[in-house]
Amino acid sequence: MRTSDLILRLGNNLTPIEPNYASKRLNHALSIGLASSTALLVVLYGIRSDMPELLLTTMFWVRLAFPVATLITGLNLAGRLGRPGAPVRLAWFAVTLLFIVMLLVATFTVLATPPGYRLQLMLGTTWRVTTANIVLLSLPSLAAVMHALKGLAPTRLILAGTGAGLLAGAQSLLVYSLYCSEMSIPFWGVWYVLGISITAGLGALLGSLYLRW
């Protein structure tokens, strides 16, 4: 077959891709994941009775800053990993920077606290279940985001899976933050970061299998 014939055959029946197709696909997956994770949270734990009072506290909104920022940067990263050849260095830097800032603030807070209270700041009262809850609530979002990425064209499967897990973990943490009672930054720096890290690792493991072409 001549090259010109091959090009002509490959070019037949092409349809244009709508602008921001990757972002729209991931946003749709996140909408499904958000609804599913929220429903799962309500079924498992219910709704906090003190939510109106909680909304008036400053630390409640400060706590949401980390998952929201991670969700935004994770969405950018996952979208780039779903497109072959898209630059991802700055996207990885943005995500990594958020974790570094969180860990640094948590470390400084611990060091500024009297030694007798440091362990309590890091453990809180729910440290045994927080990470497991974040991972559990991330599963609907992880499934939706992985399906969305599979419909794109990821070539770096493990990294794409990591991005999907990171994005799902951030959304799960956002949902769980509406219920969690912990208001200590060192607690967030340990158990919240660990929860997202586990979901990212789970995504990396699944990505190498599920995202194969």
N, C-alpha and C. Protein backbone atom coordinates (compact mmCIF):
# COMPACT_ATOMS: atom_id res chain seq x y z
N MET A 1 0.85 -1.19 0.00
CA MET A 1 0.00 0.00 0.00
C MET A 1 0.89 1.25 0.00
N ARG A 2 0.54 2.17 -0.86
CA ARG A 2 1.30 3.41 -0.93
C ARG A 2 1.00 4.30 0.27
N THR A 3 1.97 5.14 0.59
CA THR A 3 1.81 6.02 1.76
C THR A 3 0.60 6.93 1.60
N SER A 4 0.41 7.46 0.41
CA SER A 4 -0.72 8.36 0.20
C SER A 4 -2.05 7.65 0.40
N ASP A 5 -2.12 6.36 -0.01
CA ASP A 5 -3.35 5.60 0.20
C ASP A 5 -3.60 5.34 1.69
N LEU A 6 -2.51 5.06 2.41
CA LEU A 6 -2.64 4.83 3.85
C LEU A 6 -3.12 6.08 4.56
N ILE A 7 -2.56 7.23 4.19
CA ILE A 7 -2.98 8.49 4.80
C ILE A 7 -4.43 8.78 4.49
N LEU A 8 -4.84 8.52 3.26
CA LEU A 8 -6.22 8.76 2.87
C LEU A 8 -7.17 7.86 3.64
N ARG A 9 -6.78 6.58 3.82
CA ARG A 9 -7.64 5.65 4.54
C ARG A 9 -7.75 6.04 6.02
N LEU A 10 -6.63 6.43 6.61
CA LEU A 10 -6.66 6.81 8.01
C LEU A 10 -7.44 8.11 8.23
N GLY A 11 -7.48 8.95 7.21
CA GLY A 11 -8.16 10.23 7.34
C GLY A 11 -9.63 10.18 7.07
N ASN A 12 -10.14 9.05 6.60
CA ASN A 12 -11.58 8.93 6.32
C ASN A 12 -12.38 8.86 7.61
N ASN A 13 -13.56 9.46 7.56
CA ASN A 13 -14.53 9.39 8.65
C ASN A 13 -14.01 9.98 9.96
N LEU A 14 -13.13 10.96 9.86
CA LEU A 14 -12.66 11.62 11.07
C LEU A 14 -13.69 12.62 11.55
N THR A 15 -13.85 12.71 12.84
CA THR A 15 -14.76 13.70 13.42
C THR A 15 -13.96 14.61 14.35
N PRO A 16 -14.21 15.91 14.31
CA PRO A 16 -13.45 16.83 15.17
C PRO A 16 -13.77 16.61 16.64
N ILE A 17 -12.77 16.78 17.48
CA ILE A 17 -12.95 16.67 18.94
C ILE A 17 -13.34 18.03 19.48
N GLU A 18 -14.35 18.04 20.32
CA GLU A 18 -14.81 19.31 20.86
C GLU A 18 -13.76 19.91 21.78
N PRO A 19 -13.72 21.24 21.88
CA PRO A 19 -12.73 21.89 22.73
C PRO A 19 -12.85 21.45 24.19
N ASN A 20 -11.69 21.32 24.85
CA ASN A 20 -11.63 20.94 26.28
C ASN A 20 -12.33 19.61 26.53
N TYR A 21 -12.19 18.70 25.59
CA TYR A 21 -12.86 17.41 25.72
C TYR A 21 -12.40 16.66 26.97
N ALA A 22 -11.08 16.66 27.22
CA ALA A 22 -10.55 15.93 28.38
C ALA A 22 -11.09 16.51 29.69
N SER A 23 -11.10 17.84 29.79
CA SER A 23 -11.59 18.48 31.01
C SER A 23 -13.07 18.20 31.22
N LYS A 24 -13.84 18.26 30.15
CA LYS A 24 -15.28 18.01 30.27
C LYS A 24 -15.54 16.57 30.70
N ARG A 25 -14.76 15.65 30.16
CA ARG A 25 -14.93 14.24 30.51
C ARG A 25 -14.59 14.00 31.98
N LEU A 26 -13.50 14.59 32.43
CA LEU A 26 -13.11 14.44 33.83
C LEU A 26 -14.08 15.14 34.77
N ASN A 27 -14.57 16.32 34.39
CA ASN A 27 -15.54 17.02 35.22
C ASN A 27 -16.83 16.22 35.37
N HIS A 28 -17.23 15.57 34.29
CA HIS A 28 -18.43 14.72 34.36
C HIS A 28 -18.19 13.55 35.32
N ALA A 29 -16.99 12.96 35.24
CA ALA A 29 -16.66 11.85 36.14
C ALA A 29 -16.64 12.32 37.59
N LEU A 30 -16.11 13.51 37.83
CA LEU A 30 -16.07 14.04 39.19
C LEU A 30 -17.46 14.34 39.72
N SER A 31 -18.35 14.77 38.84
CA SER A 31 -19.74 15.02 39.27
C SER A 31 -20.39 13.73 39.74
N ILE A 32 -20.16 12.67 38.98
CA ILE A 32 -20.70 11.36 39.38
C ILE A 32 -20.06 10.90 40.68
N GLY A 33 -18.73 11.06 40.77
CA GLY A 33 -18.03 10.65 41.98
C GLY A 33 -18.45 11.44 43.20
N LEU A 34 -18.66 12.75 43.03
CA LEU A 34 -19.07 13.59 44.15
C LEU A 34 -20.43 13.17 44.68
N ALA A 35 -21.37 12.95 43.77
CA ALA A 35 -22.71 12.53 44.18
C ALA A 35 -22.66 11.18 44.88
N SER A 36 -21.86 10.25 44.34
CA SER A 36 -21.79 8.91 44.91
C SER A 36 -21.11 8.92 46.27
N SER A 37 -20.00 9.67 46.38
CA SER A 37 -19.27 9.73 47.66
C SER A 37 -20.10 10.40 48.74
N THR A 38 -20.82 11.46 48.36
CA THR A 38 -21.68 12.15 49.33
C THR A 38 -22.80 11.24 49.80
N ALA A 39 -23.41 10.51 48.87
CA ALA A 39 -24.47 9.57 49.25
C ALA A 39 -23.92 8.48 50.17
N LEU A 40 -22.71 8.00 49.86
CA LEU A 40 -22.09 6.97 50.70
C LEU A 40 -21.80 7.50 52.10
N LEU A 41 -21.35 8.75 52.18
CA LEU A 41 -21.08 9.37 53.48
C LEU A 41 -22.35 9.47 54.31
N VAL A 42 -23.43 9.92 53.68
CA VAL A 42 -24.70 10.08 54.40
C VAL A 42 -25.22 8.72 54.87
N VAL A 43 -25.10 7.70 54.02
CA VAL A 43 -25.58 6.37 54.40
C VAL A 43 -24.78 5.80 55.56
N LEU A 44 -23.46 5.98 55.52
CA LEU A 44 -22.60 5.39 56.54
C LEU A 44 -22.60 6.18 57.85
N TYR A 45 -22.60 7.51 57.75
CA TYR A 45 -22.38 8.33 58.95
C TYR A 45 -23.50 9.34 59.23
N GLY A 46 -24.35 9.59 58.26
CA GLY A 46 -25.40 10.57 58.46
C GLY A 46 -24.89 11.99 58.27
N ILE A 47 -25.67 12.96 58.72
CA ILE A 47 -25.33 14.38 58.60
C ILE A 47 -25.10 14.94 59.99
N ARG A 48 -24.05 15.71 60.14
CA ARG A 48 -23.73 16.29 61.44
C ARG A 48 -24.83 17.25 61.89
N SER A 49 -25.23 17.12 63.13
CA SER A 49 -26.30 17.97 63.65
C SER A 49 -25.83 19.40 63.89
N ASP A 50 -24.51 19.58 64.05
CA ASP A 50 -23.98 20.92 64.32
C ASP A 50 -23.44 21.60 63.08
N MET A 51 -23.87 21.13 61.91
CA MET A 51 -23.35 21.69 60.66
C MET A 51 -23.59 23.20 60.53
N PRO A 52 -24.77 23.74 60.89
CA PRO A 52 -24.96 25.20 60.78
C PRO A 52 -23.94 25.99 61.60
N GLU A 53 -23.66 25.53 62.84
CA GLU A 53 -22.67 26.22 63.66
C GLU A 53 -21.26 26.04 63.11
N LEU A 54 -21.01 24.85 62.56
CA LEU A 54 -19.68 24.56 62.01
C LEU A 54 -19.35 25.46 60.83
N LEU A 55 -20.35 25.79 60.04
CA LEU A 55 -20.14 26.64 58.87
C LEU A 55 -19.69 28.05 59.25
N LEU A 56 -19.92 28.44 60.47
CA LEU A 56 -19.56 29.79 60.92
C LEU A 56 -18.15 29.86 61.50
N THR A 57 -17.46 28.73 61.59
CA THR A 57 -16.11 28.72 62.15
C THR A 57 -15.07 28.91 61.06
N THR A 58 -14.01 29.61 61.40
CA THR A 58 -12.94 29.87 60.42
C THR A 58 -12.19 28.61 60.05
N MET A 59 -11.90 27.75 61.03
CA MET A 59 -11.11 26.55 60.77
C MET A 59 -11.82 25.57 59.84
N PHE A 60 -13.14 25.60 59.81
CA PHE A 60 -13.85 24.73 58.88
C PHE A 60 -13.49 25.08 57.44
N TRP A 61 -13.45 26.36 57.14
CA TRP A 61 -13.14 26.80 55.78
C TRP A 61 -11.64 26.66 55.49
N VAL A 62 -10.82 26.84 56.52
CA VAL A 62 -9.38 26.62 56.34
C VAL A 62 -9.12 25.16 55.99
N ARG A 63 -9.84 24.27 56.65
CA ARG A 63 -9.66 22.83 56.40
C ARG A 63 -10.03 22.46 54.97
N LEU A 64 -11.01 23.13 54.40
CA LEU A 64 -11.43 22.82 53.03
C LEU A 64 -10.42 23.30 51.99
N ALA A 65 -9.52 24.21 52.38
CA ALA A 65 -8.58 24.78 51.42
C ALA A 65 -7.68 23.72 50.81
N PHE A 66 -7.20 22.79 51.64
CA PHE A 66 -6.27 21.77 51.14
C PHE A 66 -6.92 20.84 50.12
N PRO A 67 -8.07 20.20 50.42
CA PRO A 67 -8.67 19.34 49.40
C PRO A 67 -9.12 20.09 48.15
N VAL A 68 -9.60 21.33 48.31
CA VAL A 68 -10.03 22.09 47.13
C VAL A 68 -8.83 22.40 46.23
N ALA A 69 -7.73 22.85 46.83
CA ALA A 69 -6.53 23.15 46.04
C ALA A 69 -5.98 21.89 45.40
N THR A 70 -5.99 20.77 46.14
CA THR A 70 -5.51 19.51 45.57
C THR A 70 -6.42 19.03 44.46
N LEU A 71 -7.71 19.26 44.60
CA LEU A 71 -8.66 18.87 43.56
C LEU A 71 -8.41 19.66 42.28
N ILE A 72 -8.15 20.95 42.40
CA ILE A 72 -7.92 21.79 41.23
C ILE A 72 -6.63 21.39 40.51
N THR A 73 -5.55 21.26 41.27
CA THR A 73 -4.27 20.88 40.66
C THR A 73 -4.30 19.44 40.16
N GLY A 74 -5.00 18.56 40.88
CA GLY A 74 -5.12 17.17 40.44
C GLY A 74 -5.90 17.04 39.15
N LEU A 75 -6.92 17.87 38.98
CA LEU A 75 -7.70 17.86 37.74
C LEU A 75 -6.84 18.27 36.56
N ASN A 76 -6.02 19.28 36.74
CA ASN A 76 -5.11 19.70 35.69
C ASN A 76 -4.11 18.59 35.35
N LEU A 77 -3.58 17.95 36.39
CA LEU A 77 -2.61 16.88 36.18
C LEU A 77 -3.23 15.69 35.45
N ALA A 78 -4.39 15.24 35.91
CA ALA A 78 -5.03 14.08 35.29
C ALA A 78 -5.41 14.37 33.84
N GLY A 79 -5.86 15.60 33.56
CA GLY A 79 -6.20 15.96 32.19
C GLY A 79 -4.99 15.91 31.28
N ARG A 80 -3.85 16.35 31.77
CA ARG A 80 -2.63 16.31 30.96
C ARG A 80 -2.13 14.88 30.77
N LEU A 81 -2.23 14.06 31.79
CA LEU A 81 -1.79 12.68 31.68
C LEU A 81 -2.68 11.87 30.75
N GLY A 82 -3.88 12.35 30.49
CA GLY A 82 -4.77 11.67 29.56
C GLY A 82 -4.50 12.00 28.11
N ARG A 83 -3.58 12.93 27.86
CA ARG A 83 -3.25 13.33 26.49
C ARG A 83 -1.79 13.00 26.20
N PRO A 84 -1.49 12.22 25.16
CA PRO A 84 -0.11 11.86 24.85
C PRO A 84 0.74 13.10 24.56
N GLY A 85 1.90 13.18 25.17
CA GLY A 85 2.83 14.25 24.89
C GLY A 85 2.55 15.55 25.60
N ALA A 86 1.48 15.64 26.38
CA ALA A 86 1.17 16.89 27.09
C ALA A 86 2.21 17.10 28.21
N PRO A 87 2.72 18.32 28.37
CA PRO A 87 3.70 18.57 29.43
C PRO A 87 3.05 18.45 30.81
N VAL A 88 3.74 17.79 31.71
CA VAL A 88 3.17 17.54 33.04
C VAL A 88 4.09 18.01 34.17
N ARG A 89 5.26 18.54 33.83
CA ARG A 89 6.21 18.89 34.88
C ARG A 89 5.66 19.93 35.83
N LEU A 90 5.08 21.00 35.30
CA LEU A 90 4.53 22.05 36.16
C LEU A 90 3.31 21.56 36.94
N ALA A 91 2.54 20.67 36.32
CA ALA A 91 1.36 20.12 37.01
C ALA A 91 1.79 19.27 38.20
N TRP A 92 2.83 18.46 38.03
CA TRP A 92 3.35 17.68 39.14
C TRP A 92 3.93 18.59 40.22
N PHE A 93 4.60 19.65 39.79
CA PHE A 93 5.19 20.59 40.75
C PHE A 93 4.10 21.24 41.61
N ALA A 94 2.99 21.62 40.98
CA ALA A 94 1.90 22.28 41.71
C ALA A 94 1.31 21.34 42.76
N VAL A 95 1.11 20.08 42.38
CA VAL A 95 0.56 19.11 43.33
C VAL A 95 1.54 18.86 44.47
N THR A 96 2.81 18.65 44.12
CA THR A 96 3.82 18.38 45.14
C THR A 96 3.98 19.55 46.10
N LEU A 97 3.91 20.76 45.57
CA LEU A 97 4.05 21.95 46.40
C LEU A 97 2.97 22.01 47.47
N LEU A 98 1.75 21.65 47.11
CA LEU A 98 0.65 21.66 48.09
C LEU A 98 0.94 20.72 49.26
N PHE A 99 1.45 19.53 48.94
CA PHE A 99 1.75 18.57 50.00
C PHE A 99 2.91 19.06 50.86
N ILE A 100 3.91 19.66 50.23
CA ILE A 100 5.05 20.18 50.99
C ILE A 100 4.60 21.29 51.94
N VAL A 101 3.77 22.20 51.44
CA VAL A 101 3.28 23.30 52.28
C VAL A 101 2.48 22.75 53.46
N MET A 102 1.59 21.80 53.19
CA MET A 102 0.79 21.20 54.26
C MET A 102 1.69 20.56 55.32
N LEU A 103 2.68 19.80 54.89
CA LEU A 103 3.57 19.12 55.84
C LEU A 103 4.43 20.11 56.62
N LEU A 104 4.86 21.17 55.95
CA LEU A 104 5.66 22.18 56.64
C LEU A 104 4.84 22.92 57.71
N VAL A 105 3.63 23.31 57.35
CA VAL A 105 2.77 24.00 58.32
C VAL A 105 2.46 23.09 59.49
N ALA A 106 2.18 21.81 59.20
CA ALA A 106 1.91 20.86 60.27
C ALA A 106 3.13 20.68 61.18
N THR A 107 4.31 20.61 60.57
CA THR A 107 5.54 20.45 61.36
C THR A 107 5.79 21.66 62.25
N PHE A 108 5.66 22.85 61.69
CA PHE A 108 5.87 24.07 62.48
C PHE A 108 4.87 24.17 63.63
N THR A 109 3.62 23.74 63.37
CA THR A 109 2.60 23.78 64.42
C THR A 109 2.96 22.84 65.56
N VAL A 110 3.44 21.65 65.20
CA VAL A 110 3.85 20.69 66.23
C VAL A 110 5.02 21.23 67.04
N LEU A 111 6.02 21.80 66.37
CA LEU A 111 7.19 22.30 67.07
C LEU A 111 6.85 23.49 67.98
N ALA A 112 5.81 24.24 67.60
CA ALA A 112 5.41 25.39 68.42
C ALA A 112 4.51 25.00 69.58
N THR A 113 4.15 23.73 69.66
CA THR A 113 3.26 23.24 70.70
C THR A 113 4.08 22.62 71.84
N PRO A 114 3.71 22.81 73.09
CA PRO A 114 4.40 22.14 74.20
C PRO A 114 4.46 20.64 73.98
N PRO A 115 5.59 20.01 74.30
CA PRO A 115 5.78 18.57 74.01
C PRO A 115 4.66 17.68 74.51
N GLY A 116 4.06 18.00 75.62
CA GLY A 116 3.02 17.14 76.17
C GLY A 116 1.75 17.08 75.36
N TYR A 117 1.55 18.04 74.46
CA TYR A 117 0.33 18.10 73.67
C TYR A 117 0.53 17.71 72.21
N ARG A 118 1.76 17.46 71.82
CA ARG A 118 2.05 17.23 70.40
C ARG A 118 1.39 15.96 69.86
N LEU A 119 1.49 14.89 70.61
CA LEU A 119 0.91 13.63 70.14
C LEU A 119 -0.60 13.75 69.98
N GLN A 120 -1.25 14.43 70.90
CA GLN A 120 -2.69 14.60 70.81
C GLN A 120 -3.08 15.41 69.58
N LEU A 121 -2.26 16.40 69.23
CA LEU A 121 -2.53 17.19 68.02
C LEU A 121 -2.51 16.31 66.78
N MET A 122 -1.59 15.35 66.73
CA MET A 122 -1.44 14.51 65.55
C MET A 122 -2.45 13.37 65.51
N LEU A 123 -2.87 12.89 66.68
CA LEU A 123 -3.79 11.75 66.71
C LEU A 123 -5.25 12.16 66.75
N GLY A 124 -5.55 13.29 67.40
CA GLY A 124 -6.94 13.69 67.54
C GLY A 124 -7.74 12.60 68.23
N THR A 125 -8.97 12.43 67.82
CA THR A 125 -9.82 11.37 68.39
C THR A 125 -10.26 10.35 67.35
N THR A 126 -9.95 10.61 66.06
CA THR A 126 -10.46 9.72 65.00
C THR A 126 -9.35 9.19 64.10
N TRP A 127 -8.10 9.19 64.60
CA TRP A 127 -7.00 8.80 63.73
C TRP A 127 -7.09 7.35 63.26
N ARG A 128 -7.77 6.50 64.02
CA ARG A 128 -7.87 5.09 63.64
C ARG A 128 -8.74 4.87 62.40
N VAL A 129 -9.67 5.79 62.13
CA VAL A 129 -10.63 5.55 61.05
C VAL A 129 -10.54 6.57 59.92
N THR A 130 -9.86 7.68 60.15
CA THR A 130 -9.89 8.77 59.16
C THR A 130 -9.33 8.34 57.81
N THR A 131 -8.14 7.76 57.80
CA THR A 131 -7.52 7.38 56.53
C THR A 131 -8.37 6.33 55.81
N ALA A 132 -8.86 5.35 56.55
CA ALA A 132 -9.70 4.32 55.94
C ALA A 132 -10.97 4.92 55.36
N ASN A 133 -11.55 5.89 56.05
CA ASN A 133 -12.77 6.54 55.54
C ASN A 133 -12.50 7.30 54.25
N ILE A 134 -11.35 7.98 54.19
CA ILE A 134 -11.01 8.73 52.98
C ILE A 134 -10.85 7.78 51.80
N VAL A 135 -10.16 6.67 52.02
CA VAL A 135 -9.96 5.69 50.94
C VAL A 135 -11.29 5.09 50.52
N LEU A 136 -12.14 4.75 51.50
CA LEU A 136 -13.44 4.17 51.18
C LEU A 136 -14.30 5.12 50.36
N LEU A 137 -14.35 6.38 50.78
CA LEU A 137 -15.18 7.36 50.08
C LEU A 137 -14.61 7.71 48.71
N SER A 138 -13.34 7.41 48.48
CA SER A 138 -12.72 7.73 47.19
C SER A 138 -13.05 6.72 46.10
N LEU A 139 -13.53 5.54 46.48
CA LEU A 139 -13.72 4.47 45.50
C LEU A 139 -14.70 4.82 44.38
N PRO A 140 -15.86 5.44 44.68
CA PRO A 140 -16.74 5.82 43.55
C PRO A 140 -16.08 6.82 42.60
N SER A 141 -15.38 7.81 43.15
CA SER A 141 -14.70 8.79 42.29
C SER A 141 -13.57 8.14 41.51
N LEU A 142 -12.84 7.24 42.16
CA LEU A 142 -11.73 6.58 41.48
C LEU A 142 -12.22 5.77 40.29
N ALA A 143 -13.32 5.05 40.47
CA ALA A 143 -13.87 4.27 39.37
C ALA A 143 -14.32 5.19 38.22
N ALA A 144 -14.97 6.30 38.55
CA ALA A 144 -15.45 7.22 37.51
C ALA A 144 -14.30 7.89 36.78
N VAL A 145 -13.27 8.33 37.52
CA VAL A 145 -12.14 9.02 36.89
C VAL A 145 -11.32 8.05 36.04
N MET A 146 -11.14 6.83 36.52
CA MET A 146 -10.40 5.84 35.73
C MET A 146 -11.13 5.54 34.42
N HIS A 147 -12.45 5.44 34.49
CA HIS A 147 -13.23 5.21 33.27
C HIS A 147 -13.09 6.40 32.31
N ALA A 148 -13.09 7.61 32.87
CA ALA A 148 -12.94 8.79 32.02
C ALA A 148 -11.57 8.82 31.35
N LEU A 149 -10.52 8.48 32.09
CA LEU A 149 -9.17 8.47 31.52
C LEU A 149 -9.02 7.39 30.45
N LYS A 150 -9.67 6.27 30.65
CA LYS A 150 -9.58 5.19 29.67
C LYS A 150 -10.17 5.62 28.32
N GLY A 151 -11.14 6.53 28.36
CA GLY A 151 -11.73 7.03 27.13
C GLY A 151 -10.89 8.09 26.45
N LEU A 152 -9.80 8.51 27.08
CA LEU A 152 -8.86 9.45 26.47
C LEU A 152 -7.73 8.63 25.84
N ALA A 153 -6.51 9.10 25.94
CA ALA A 153 -5.41 8.36 25.32
C ALA A 153 -4.17 8.39 26.20
N PRO A 154 -4.25 7.90 27.44
CA PRO A 154 -3.06 7.92 28.29
C PRO A 154 -2.01 6.93 27.81
N THR A 155 -0.78 7.37 27.79
CA THR A 155 0.33 6.49 27.40
C THR A 155 1.23 6.15 28.60
N ARG A 156 1.20 7.00 29.62
CA ARG A 156 1.96 6.73 30.84
C ARG A 156 0.98 6.19 31.87
N LEU A 157 0.73 4.89 31.80
CA LEU A 157 -0.40 4.31 32.50
C LEU A 157 -0.29 4.41 34.01
N ILE A 158 0.87 4.13 34.56
CA ILE A 158 1.02 4.19 36.01
C ILE A 158 0.87 5.62 36.51
N LEU A 159 1.48 6.56 35.79
CA LEU A 159 1.36 7.96 36.18
C LEU A 159 -0.07 8.46 36.02
N ALA A 160 -0.73 8.04 34.95
CA ALA A 160 -2.13 8.44 34.76
C ALA A 160 -3.01 7.87 35.87
N GLY A 161 -2.75 6.63 36.25
CA GLY A 161 -3.49 6.04 37.36
C GLY A 161 -3.22 6.76 38.67
N THR A 162 -1.98 7.19 38.86
CA THR A 162 -1.63 7.96 40.05
C THR A 162 -2.40 9.28 40.08
N GLY A 163 -2.46 9.94 38.93
CA GLY A 163 -3.23 11.18 38.84
C GLY A 163 -4.69 10.97 39.12
N ALA A 164 -5.25 9.86 38.63
CA ALA A 164 -6.66 9.55 38.89
C ALA A 164 -6.89 9.30 40.37
N GLY A 165 -5.97 8.56 41.01
CA GLY A 165 -6.10 8.30 42.44
C GLY A 165 -5.96 9.56 43.26
N LEU A 166 -5.05 10.43 42.85
CA LEU A 166 -4.86 11.70 43.54
C LEU A 166 -6.13 12.55 43.45
N LEU A 167 -6.70 12.60 42.28
CA LEU A 167 -7.93 13.39 42.07
C LEU A 167 -9.09 12.81 42.87
N ALA A 168 -9.23 11.49 42.84
CA ALA A 168 -10.30 10.85 43.61
C ALA A 168 -10.10 11.03 45.10
N GLY A 169 -8.85 10.94 45.55
CA GLY A 169 -8.57 11.12 46.97
C GLY A 169 -8.88 12.53 47.43
N ALA A 170 -8.56 13.52 46.60
CA ALA A 170 -8.84 14.92 46.95
C ALA A 170 -10.34 15.15 47.05
N GLN A 171 -11.09 14.59 46.11
CA GLN A 171 -12.55 14.76 46.17
C GLN A 171 -13.14 14.03 47.37
N SER A 172 -12.62 12.86 47.67
CA SER A 172 -13.08 12.12 48.84
C SER A 172 -12.80 12.91 50.12
N LEU A 173 -11.61 13.50 50.21
CA LEU A 173 -11.27 14.29 51.39
C LEU A 173 -12.18 15.51 51.52
N LEU A 174 -12.53 16.12 50.39
CA LEU A 174 -13.44 17.25 50.42
C LEU A 174 -14.79 16.85 51.00
N VAL A 175 -15.28 15.70 50.59
CA VAL A 175 -16.56 15.20 51.11
C VAL A 175 -16.43 14.85 52.58
N TYR A 176 -15.36 14.15 52.94
CA TYR A 176 -15.18 13.72 54.32
C TYR A 176 -14.97 14.91 55.26
N SER A 177 -14.39 15.99 54.76
CA SER A 177 -14.17 17.17 55.59
C SER A 177 -15.47 17.80 56.06
N LEU A 178 -16.55 17.52 55.36
CA LEU A 178 -17.85 18.03 55.78
C LEU A 178 -18.36 17.31 57.02
N TYR A 179 -17.78 16.13 57.29
CA TYR A 179 -18.22 15.34 58.44
C TYR A 179 -17.19 15.29 59.56
N CYS A 180 -15.92 15.26 59.20
CA CYS A 180 -14.84 15.08 60.17
C CYS A 180 -14.84 16.21 61.21
N SER A 181 -14.57 15.85 62.44
CA SER A 181 -14.60 16.83 63.54
C SER A 181 -13.21 17.37 63.89
N GLU A 182 -12.17 16.85 63.25
CA GLU A 182 -10.81 17.24 63.62
C GLU A 182 -10.46 18.62 63.08
N MET A 183 -9.92 19.49 63.94
CA MET A 183 -9.57 20.84 63.54
C MET A 183 -8.09 21.14 63.78
N SER A 184 -7.28 20.12 63.89
CA SER A 184 -5.85 20.29 64.14
C SER A 184 -5.06 20.15 62.84
N ILE A 185 -4.25 21.14 62.52
CA ILE A 185 -3.46 21.09 61.28
C ILE A 185 -2.50 19.91 61.27
N PRO A 186 -1.80 19.58 62.37
CA PRO A 186 -0.95 18.38 62.35
C PRO A 186 -1.73 17.11 62.04
N PHE A 187 -2.97 17.03 62.54
CA PHE A 187 -3.81 15.87 62.20
C PHE A 187 -4.04 15.80 60.70
N TRP A 188 -4.35 16.94 60.09
CA TRP A 188 -4.56 16.97 58.64
C TRP A 188 -3.29 16.57 57.91
N GLY A 189 -2.16 17.08 58.40
CA GLY A 189 -0.90 16.82 57.72
C GLY A 189 -0.48 15.36 57.76
N VAL A 190 -0.99 14.62 58.74
CA VAL A 190 -0.65 13.19 58.83
C VAL A 190 -1.70 12.34 58.13
N TRP A 191 -2.93 12.38 58.62
CA TRP A 191 -3.94 11.41 58.18
C TRP A 191 -4.63 11.79 56.89
N TYR A 192 -4.82 13.09 56.65
CA TYR A 192 -5.40 13.51 55.36
C TYR A 192 -4.41 13.24 54.22
N VAL A 193 -3.16 13.62 54.44
CA VAL A 193 -2.14 13.38 53.42
C VAL A 193 -1.96 11.89 53.17
N LEU A 194 -1.98 11.10 54.24
CA LEU A 194 -1.84 9.66 54.09
C LEU A 194 -3.01 9.07 53.29
N GLY A 195 -4.21 9.55 53.54
CA GLY A 195 -5.38 9.05 52.82
C GLY A 195 -5.28 9.30 51.32
N ILE A 196 -4.89 10.53 50.94
CA ILE A 196 -4.76 10.85 49.52
C ILE A 196 -3.61 10.05 48.91
N SER A 197 -2.53 9.87 49.66
CA SER A 197 -1.38 9.12 49.14
C SER A 197 -1.75 7.67 48.86
N ILE A 198 -2.56 7.09 49.73
CA ILE A 198 -2.98 5.70 49.51
C ILE A 198 -3.87 5.59 48.27
N THR A 199 -4.77 6.53 48.10
CA THR A 199 -5.63 6.48 46.90
C THR A 199 -4.81 6.69 45.63
N ALA A 200 -3.78 7.53 45.71
CA ALA A 200 -2.90 7.72 44.55
C ALA A 200 -2.15 6.43 44.24
N GLY A 201 -1.69 5.73 45.29
CA GLY A 201 -1.02 4.45 45.08
C GLY A 201 -1.96 3.40 44.51
N LEU A 202 -3.20 3.40 45.00
CA LEU A 202 -4.20 2.47 44.47
C LEU A 202 -4.49 2.76 43.01
N GLY A 203 -4.56 4.05 42.67
CA GLY A 203 -4.77 4.42 41.28
C GLY A 203 -3.61 3.99 40.39
N ALA A 204 -2.38 4.12 40.89
CA ALA A 204 -1.21 3.69 40.12
C ALA A 204 -1.27 2.20 39.84
N LEU A 205 -1.66 1.43 40.84
CA LEU A 205 -1.77 -0.02 40.68
C LEU A 205 -2.84 -0.39 39.66
N LEU A 206 -4.00 0.25 39.76
CA LEU A 206 -5.09 -0.05 38.83
C LEU A 206 -4.81 0.50 37.44
N GLY A 207 -4.10 1.63 37.36
CA GLY A 207 -3.83 2.24 36.07
C GLY A 207 -3.02 1.34 35.15
N SER A 208 -2.05 0.63 35.71
CA SER A 208 -1.21 -0.23 34.89
C SER A 208 -1.99 -1.39 34.30
N LEU A 209 -3.15 -1.69 34.88
CA LEU A 209 -3.98 -2.80 34.39
C LEU A 209 -5.17 -2.32 33.59
N TYR A 210 -5.90 -1.36 34.15
CA TYR A 210 -7.17 -0.95 33.55
C TYR A 210 -7.00 -0.02 32.36
N LEU A 211 -5.96 0.81 32.37
CA LEU A 211 -5.82 1.82 31.33
C LEU A 211 -5.09 1.33 30.08
N ARG A 212 -4.77 0.06 30.02
CA ARG A 212 -4.13 -0.48 28.82
C ARG A 212 -5.03 -0.34 27.61
N TRP A 213 -4.43 -0.01 26.51
CA TRP A 213 -5.21 0.16 25.28
C TRP A 213 -5.60 -1.22 24.75
